[in-house]
Amino acid sequence: MAVKFHLCLLLIIVVGMGAHVAFADKPLCDLPHGTCYYYKDPCPDNMPVDCSEEFYCTLETNKCCCNEPPPTERPLCDLPHGTCYYHKDPCPDNMPVDCSQDFKCTLDTNKCCCYE
């Protein structure tokens, strides 16, 4: 009897861990970020943004509605896109475009210069 109990307990733990790993790449849709609503219903006026791509709901028939979209972080300025230069210096001739709006540098005193 004890063996059956331990096997059953082990099965429950393994299934629970598998479900947890399936959602590990997204955070749970919960306040203050958002709230889960039925997927066929429109998001309410106080939470108008469907942010199901960034957050998960525990029921597959739900979607996550948020106040505003989560901030997207700019990728690092690095080759092949561009290179960081001191912000007061002009961009070099081979990388004439200041693309600091699209890419970030690790130092605040730098700007990203990109190819055309």
N, C-alpha and C. Protein backbone atom coordinates (compact mmCIF):
# COMPACT_ATOMS: atom_id res chain seq x y z
N MET A 1 0.82 -1.20 0.00
CA MET A 1 0.00 0.00 0.00
C MET A 1 0.86 1.26 0.00
N ALA A 2 1.94 1.25 0.78
CA ALA A 2 2.82 2.40 0.86
C ALA A 2 3.50 2.66 -0.48
N VAL A 3 3.82 1.60 -1.21
CA VAL A 3 4.46 1.75 -2.51
C VAL A 3 3.52 2.44 -3.49
N LYS A 4 2.24 2.05 -3.49
CA LYS A 4 1.26 2.69 -4.38
C LYS A 4 1.10 4.17 -4.03
N PHE A 5 1.08 4.47 -2.74
CA PHE A 5 0.96 5.85 -2.30
C PHE A 5 2.15 6.67 -2.78
N HIS A 6 3.36 6.15 -2.63
CA HIS A 6 4.57 6.86 -3.04
C HIS A 6 4.62 7.03 -4.56
N LEU A 7 4.19 6.03 -5.30
CA LEU A 7 4.15 6.16 -6.76
C LEU A 7 3.14 7.22 -7.20
N CYS A 8 1.99 7.23 -6.54
CA CYS A 8 0.97 8.23 -6.85
C CYS A 8 1.48 9.63 -6.52
N LEU A 9 2.13 9.79 -5.39
CA LEU A 9 2.69 11.07 -4.99
C LEU A 9 3.77 11.51 -5.97
N LEU A 10 4.61 10.60 -6.38
CA LEU A 10 5.65 10.92 -7.35
C LEU A 10 5.05 11.38 -8.68
N LEU A 11 4.00 10.72 -9.12
CA LEU A 11 3.32 11.08 -10.35
C LEU A 11 2.74 12.49 -10.26
N ILE A 12 2.13 12.82 -9.15
CA ILE A 12 1.56 14.16 -8.95
C ILE A 12 2.67 15.22 -8.98
N ILE A 13 3.78 14.95 -8.36
CA ILE A 13 4.89 15.90 -8.34
C ILE A 13 5.45 16.10 -9.74
N VAL A 14 5.64 15.04 -10.49
CA VAL A 14 6.20 15.13 -11.84
C VAL A 14 5.27 15.91 -12.76
N VAL A 15 3.98 15.63 -12.69
CA VAL A 15 3.01 16.35 -13.52
C VAL A 15 2.98 17.82 -13.13
N GLY A 16 3.02 18.12 -11.86
CA GLY A 16 3.03 19.50 -11.39
C GLY A 16 4.26 20.25 -11.85
N MET A 17 5.40 19.61 -11.82
CA MET A 17 6.63 20.24 -12.29
C MET A 17 6.57 20.48 -13.79
N GLY A 18 5.99 19.57 -14.54
CA GLY A 18 5.86 19.74 -15.97
C GLY A 18 4.97 20.91 -16.32
N ALA A 19 3.89 21.08 -15.60
CA ALA A 19 2.99 22.22 -15.83
C ALA A 19 3.70 23.52 -15.48
N HIS A 20 4.49 23.53 -14.42
CA HIS A 20 5.21 24.73 -14.03
C HIS A 20 6.25 25.10 -15.08
N VAL A 21 6.96 24.13 -15.62
CA VAL A 21 7.98 24.39 -16.63
C VAL A 21 7.35 24.91 -17.92
N ALA A 22 6.15 24.48 -18.25
CA ALA A 22 5.50 24.92 -19.48
C ALA A 22 5.25 26.41 -19.47
N PHE A 23 5.02 27.01 -18.31
CA PHE A 23 4.72 28.44 -18.23
C PHE A 23 5.92 29.24 -17.73
N ALA A 24 7.08 28.62 -17.59
CA ALA A 24 8.22 29.29 -16.99
C ALA A 24 8.75 30.44 -17.82
N ASP A 25 8.50 30.46 -19.13
CA ASP A 25 9.04 31.53 -19.96
C ASP A 25 8.24 32.82 -19.87
N LYS A 26 7.03 32.79 -19.33
CA LYS A 26 6.20 33.98 -19.18
C LYS A 26 5.79 34.12 -17.72
N PRO A 27 5.71 35.38 -17.23
CA PRO A 27 5.20 35.56 -15.87
C PRO A 27 3.68 35.42 -15.84
N LEU A 28 3.15 35.17 -14.69
CA LEU A 28 1.72 35.01 -14.50
C LEU A 28 1.01 36.35 -14.69
N CYS A 29 -0.12 36.31 -15.37
CA CYS A 29 -0.95 37.50 -15.55
C CYS A 29 -1.65 37.78 -14.22
N ASP A 30 -1.21 38.81 -13.54
CA ASP A 30 -1.76 39.15 -12.24
C ASP A 30 -1.53 40.63 -12.00
N LEU A 31 -2.31 41.21 -11.10
CA LEU A 31 -2.11 42.61 -10.76
C LEU A 31 -0.73 42.81 -10.18
N PRO A 32 -0.04 43.87 -10.41
CA PRO A 32 -0.45 45.10 -11.08
C PRO A 32 -0.34 45.08 -12.60
N HIS A 33 0.15 43.99 -13.19
CA HIS A 33 0.33 43.96 -14.64
C HIS A 33 -0.98 43.82 -15.39
N GLY A 34 -1.81 42.86 -15.01
CA GLY A 34 -3.04 42.63 -15.74
C GLY A 34 -3.96 41.68 -15.01
N THR A 35 -5.04 41.31 -15.71
CA THR A 35 -6.04 40.40 -15.17
C THR A 35 -6.50 39.48 -16.29
N CYS A 36 -6.82 38.25 -15.96
CA CYS A 36 -7.28 37.28 -16.96
C CYS A 36 -8.78 37.43 -17.22
N TYR A 37 -9.15 37.38 -18.52
CA TYR A 37 -10.54 37.45 -18.96
C TYR A 37 -10.76 36.35 -19.99
N TYR A 38 -12.02 35.98 -20.19
CA TYR A 38 -12.37 34.99 -21.19
C TYR A 38 -11.87 35.46 -22.55
N TYR A 39 -11.25 34.58 -23.33
CA TYR A 39 -10.57 34.99 -24.55
C TYR A 39 -11.48 35.56 -25.63
N LYS A 40 -12.77 35.24 -25.60
CA LYS A 40 -13.69 35.78 -26.61
C LYS A 40 -14.26 37.14 -26.21
N ASP A 41 -14.11 37.51 -24.94
CA ASP A 41 -14.59 38.82 -24.48
C ASP A 41 -13.56 39.89 -24.79
N PRO A 42 -14.02 41.12 -25.08
CA PRO A 42 -13.05 42.20 -25.28
C PRO A 42 -12.44 42.61 -23.94
N CYS A 43 -11.24 43.15 -23.99
CA CYS A 43 -10.61 43.65 -22.77
C CYS A 43 -11.41 44.86 -22.28
N PRO A 44 -11.56 45.03 -20.97
CA PRO A 44 -12.33 46.15 -20.45
C PRO A 44 -11.62 47.49 -20.70
N ASP A 45 -12.38 48.57 -20.55
CA ASP A 45 -11.84 49.91 -20.82
C ASP A 45 -10.68 50.28 -19.89
N ASN A 46 -10.70 49.80 -18.67
CA ASN A 46 -9.62 50.15 -17.75
C ASN A 46 -8.37 49.30 -17.95
N MET A 47 -8.46 48.25 -18.76
CA MET A 47 -7.31 47.40 -19.12
C MET A 47 -7.43 47.03 -20.60
N PRO A 48 -7.21 47.99 -21.51
CA PRO A 48 -7.55 47.80 -22.91
C PRO A 48 -6.57 46.97 -23.74
N VAL A 49 -5.40 46.68 -23.22
CA VAL A 49 -4.35 46.03 -24.02
C VAL A 49 -4.34 44.52 -23.79
N ASP A 50 -4.44 43.74 -24.88
CA ASP A 50 -4.30 42.28 -24.81
C ASP A 50 -2.81 41.96 -24.75
N CYS A 51 -2.35 41.52 -23.58
CA CYS A 51 -0.92 41.26 -23.38
C CYS A 51 -0.66 39.77 -23.15
N SER A 52 -1.41 38.93 -23.86
CA SER A 52 -1.26 37.48 -23.71
C SER A 52 0.08 36.97 -24.19
N GLU A 53 0.75 37.74 -25.04
CA GLU A 53 2.07 37.32 -25.53
C GLU A 53 3.14 37.48 -24.44
N GLU A 54 2.91 38.38 -23.47
CA GLU A 54 3.90 38.64 -22.44
C GLU A 54 3.60 37.93 -21.12
N PHE A 55 2.30 37.65 -20.85
CA PHE A 55 1.89 37.03 -19.60
C PHE A 55 0.98 35.84 -19.88
N TYR A 56 0.94 34.88 -18.97
CA TYR A 56 0.07 33.72 -19.17
C TYR A 56 -1.03 33.68 -18.11
N CYS A 57 -2.15 33.08 -18.49
CA CYS A 57 -3.25 32.81 -17.56
C CYS A 57 -3.27 31.31 -17.27
N THR A 58 -3.77 30.95 -16.11
CA THR A 58 -3.75 29.54 -15.72
C THR A 58 -4.76 28.71 -16.50
N LEU A 59 -5.79 29.33 -17.07
CA LEU A 59 -6.76 28.63 -17.91
C LEU A 59 -6.51 28.96 -19.37
N GLU A 60 -6.52 27.95 -20.23
CA GLU A 60 -6.28 28.17 -21.65
C GLU A 60 -7.40 28.96 -22.32
N THR A 61 -8.57 29.03 -21.70
CA THR A 61 -9.69 29.77 -22.28
C THR A 61 -9.67 31.24 -21.87
N ASN A 62 -8.61 31.68 -21.23
CA ASN A 62 -8.49 33.07 -20.80
C ASN A 62 -7.37 33.77 -21.55
N LYS A 63 -7.44 35.08 -21.56
CA LYS A 63 -6.37 35.92 -22.10
C LYS A 63 -6.04 36.97 -21.06
N CYS A 64 -4.87 37.55 -21.17
CA CYS A 64 -4.42 38.54 -20.20
C CYS A 64 -4.68 39.94 -20.77
N CYS A 65 -5.35 40.78 -20.00
CA CYS A 65 -5.58 42.18 -20.37
C CYS A 65 -4.79 43.06 -19.41
N CYS A 66 -4.07 44.04 -19.97
CA CYS A 66 -3.19 44.90 -19.17
C CYS A 66 -3.57 46.37 -19.31
N ASN A 67 -3.06 47.16 -18.36
CA ASN A 67 -3.28 48.61 -18.40
C ASN A 67 -2.56 49.22 -19.59
N GLU A 68 -1.34 48.85 -19.78
CA GLU A 68 -0.53 49.36 -20.88
C GLU A 68 0.44 48.27 -21.28
N PRO A 69 0.95 48.33 -22.50
CA PRO A 69 1.88 47.27 -22.89
C PRO A 69 3.14 47.32 -22.04
N PRO A 70 3.70 46.16 -21.71
CA PRO A 70 4.94 46.15 -20.93
C PRO A 70 6.06 46.80 -21.72
N PRO A 71 6.94 47.49 -21.04
CA PRO A 71 8.02 48.17 -21.76
C PRO A 71 8.92 47.18 -22.48
N THR A 72 9.24 47.51 -23.70
CA THR A 72 10.16 46.67 -24.47
C THR A 72 11.55 47.28 -24.36
N GLU A 73 12.49 46.47 -24.05
CA GLU A 73 13.84 46.96 -23.89
C GLU A 73 14.55 46.94 -25.24
N ARG A 74 15.26 48.01 -25.53
CA ARG A 74 16.00 48.09 -26.78
C ARG A 74 17.16 47.10 -26.74
N PRO A 75 17.44 46.45 -27.87
CA PRO A 75 18.60 45.54 -27.92
C PRO A 75 19.91 46.32 -27.83
N LEU A 76 20.95 45.64 -27.44
CA LEU A 76 22.26 46.28 -27.34
C LEU A 76 22.80 46.64 -28.72
N CYS A 77 23.47 47.76 -28.78
CA CYS A 77 24.13 48.21 -30.00
C CYS A 77 25.40 47.39 -30.18
N ASP A 78 25.40 46.55 -31.18
CA ASP A 78 26.54 45.67 -31.41
C ASP A 78 26.53 45.27 -32.88
N LEU A 79 27.67 44.87 -33.38
CA LEU A 79 27.74 44.41 -34.77
C LEU A 79 26.84 43.20 -34.95
N PRO A 80 26.17 43.03 -36.01
CA PRO A 80 26.29 43.71 -37.30
C PRO A 80 25.42 44.97 -37.41
N HIS A 81 24.69 45.35 -36.36
CA HIS A 81 23.81 46.52 -36.45
C HIS A 81 24.58 47.83 -36.36
N GLY A 82 25.44 47.96 -35.37
CA GLY A 82 26.15 49.21 -35.17
C GLY A 82 27.22 49.09 -34.12
N THR A 83 27.77 50.25 -33.75
CA THR A 83 28.83 50.32 -32.75
C THR A 83 28.59 51.55 -31.89
N CYS A 84 28.95 51.47 -30.62
CA CYS A 84 28.79 52.61 -29.71
C CYS A 84 29.97 53.57 -29.82
N TYR A 85 29.64 54.86 -29.83
CA TYR A 85 30.63 55.94 -29.86
C TYR A 85 30.26 56.97 -28.81
N TYR A 86 31.23 57.78 -28.41
CA TYR A 86 30.97 58.85 -27.44
C TYR A 86 29.89 59.77 -27.99
N HIS A 87 28.93 60.16 -27.16
CA HIS A 87 27.75 60.87 -27.63
C HIS A 87 28.03 62.25 -28.24
N LYS A 88 29.17 62.87 -27.91
CA LYS A 88 29.48 64.18 -28.49
C LYS A 88 30.24 64.06 -29.82
N ASP A 89 30.76 62.88 -30.11
CA ASP A 89 31.48 62.68 -31.37
C ASP A 89 30.49 62.39 -32.49
N PRO A 90 30.81 62.82 -33.71
CA PRO A 90 29.93 62.47 -34.83
C PRO A 90 30.09 60.99 -35.18
N CYS A 91 29.07 60.44 -35.79
CA CYS A 91 29.16 59.06 -36.25
C CYS A 91 30.16 58.99 -37.40
N PRO A 92 30.95 57.93 -37.50
CA PRO A 92 31.93 57.82 -38.58
C PRO A 92 31.26 57.68 -39.94
N ASP A 93 32.05 57.91 -40.98
CA ASP A 93 31.52 57.88 -42.35
C ASP A 93 30.96 56.51 -42.74
N ASN A 94 31.55 55.44 -42.23
CA ASN A 94 31.06 54.11 -42.61
C ASN A 94 29.82 53.69 -41.80
N MET A 95 29.49 54.44 -40.73
CA MET A 95 28.28 54.21 -39.93
C MET A 95 27.61 55.55 -39.64
N PRO A 96 27.04 56.18 -40.66
CA PRO A 96 26.59 57.57 -40.51
C PRO A 96 25.28 57.78 -39.75
N VAL A 97 24.53 56.72 -39.47
CA VAL A 97 23.20 56.88 -38.89
C VAL A 97 23.25 56.76 -37.36
N ASP A 98 22.71 57.76 -36.67
CA ASP A 98 22.57 57.70 -35.22
C ASP A 98 21.30 56.90 -34.92
N CYS A 99 21.45 55.66 -34.47
CA CYS A 99 20.30 54.77 -34.24
C CYS A 99 20.11 54.50 -32.75
N SER A 100 20.35 55.53 -31.93
CA SER A 100 20.21 55.39 -30.48
C SER A 100 18.77 55.13 -30.05
N GLN A 101 17.81 55.50 -30.89
CA GLN A 101 16.41 55.24 -30.56
C GLN A 101 16.07 53.74 -30.66
N ASP A 102 16.81 53.03 -31.53
CA ASP A 102 16.54 51.61 -31.76
C ASP A 102 17.43 50.68 -30.94
N PHE A 103 18.65 51.12 -30.64
CA PHE A 103 19.62 50.29 -29.93
C PHE A 103 20.20 51.08 -28.77
N LYS A 104 20.60 50.37 -27.70
CA LYS A 104 21.18 51.05 -26.54
C LYS A 104 22.63 50.64 -26.36
N CYS A 105 23.38 51.54 -25.76
CA CYS A 105 24.76 51.27 -25.40
C CYS A 105 24.83 51.02 -23.90
N THR A 106 25.86 50.32 -23.47
CA THR A 106 25.97 49.99 -22.05
C THR A 106 26.33 51.22 -21.21
N LEU A 107 26.96 52.23 -21.80
CA LEU A 107 27.30 53.46 -21.09
C LEU A 107 26.36 54.58 -21.54
N ASP A 108 25.87 55.37 -20.59
CA ASP A 108 24.97 56.47 -20.92
C ASP A 108 25.65 57.57 -21.71
N THR A 109 26.97 57.64 -21.66
CA THR A 109 27.70 58.68 -22.39
C THR A 109 27.98 58.27 -23.84
N ASN A 110 27.45 57.17 -24.28
CA ASN A 110 27.67 56.70 -25.65
C ASN A 110 26.37 56.76 -26.44
N LYS A 111 26.52 56.74 -27.76
CA LYS A 111 25.38 56.64 -28.67
C LYS A 111 25.68 55.53 -29.66
N CYS A 112 24.64 55.02 -30.28
CA CYS A 112 24.80 53.93 -31.23
C CYS A 112 24.82 54.49 -32.65
N CYS A 113 25.83 54.15 -33.41
CA CYS A 113 25.94 54.54 -34.81
C CYS A 113 25.79 53.28 -35.66
N CYS A 114 24.91 53.35 -36.68
CA CYS A 114 24.60 52.18 -37.49
C CYS A 114 24.89 52.44 -38.96
N TYR A 115 24.91 51.34 -39.72
CA TYR A 115 25.02 51.42 -41.16
C TYR A 115 23.71 51.97 -41.72
N GLU A 116 23.74 52.44 -42.93
CA GLU A 116 22.52 53.00 -43.53
C GLU A 116 21.46 52.00 -43.77
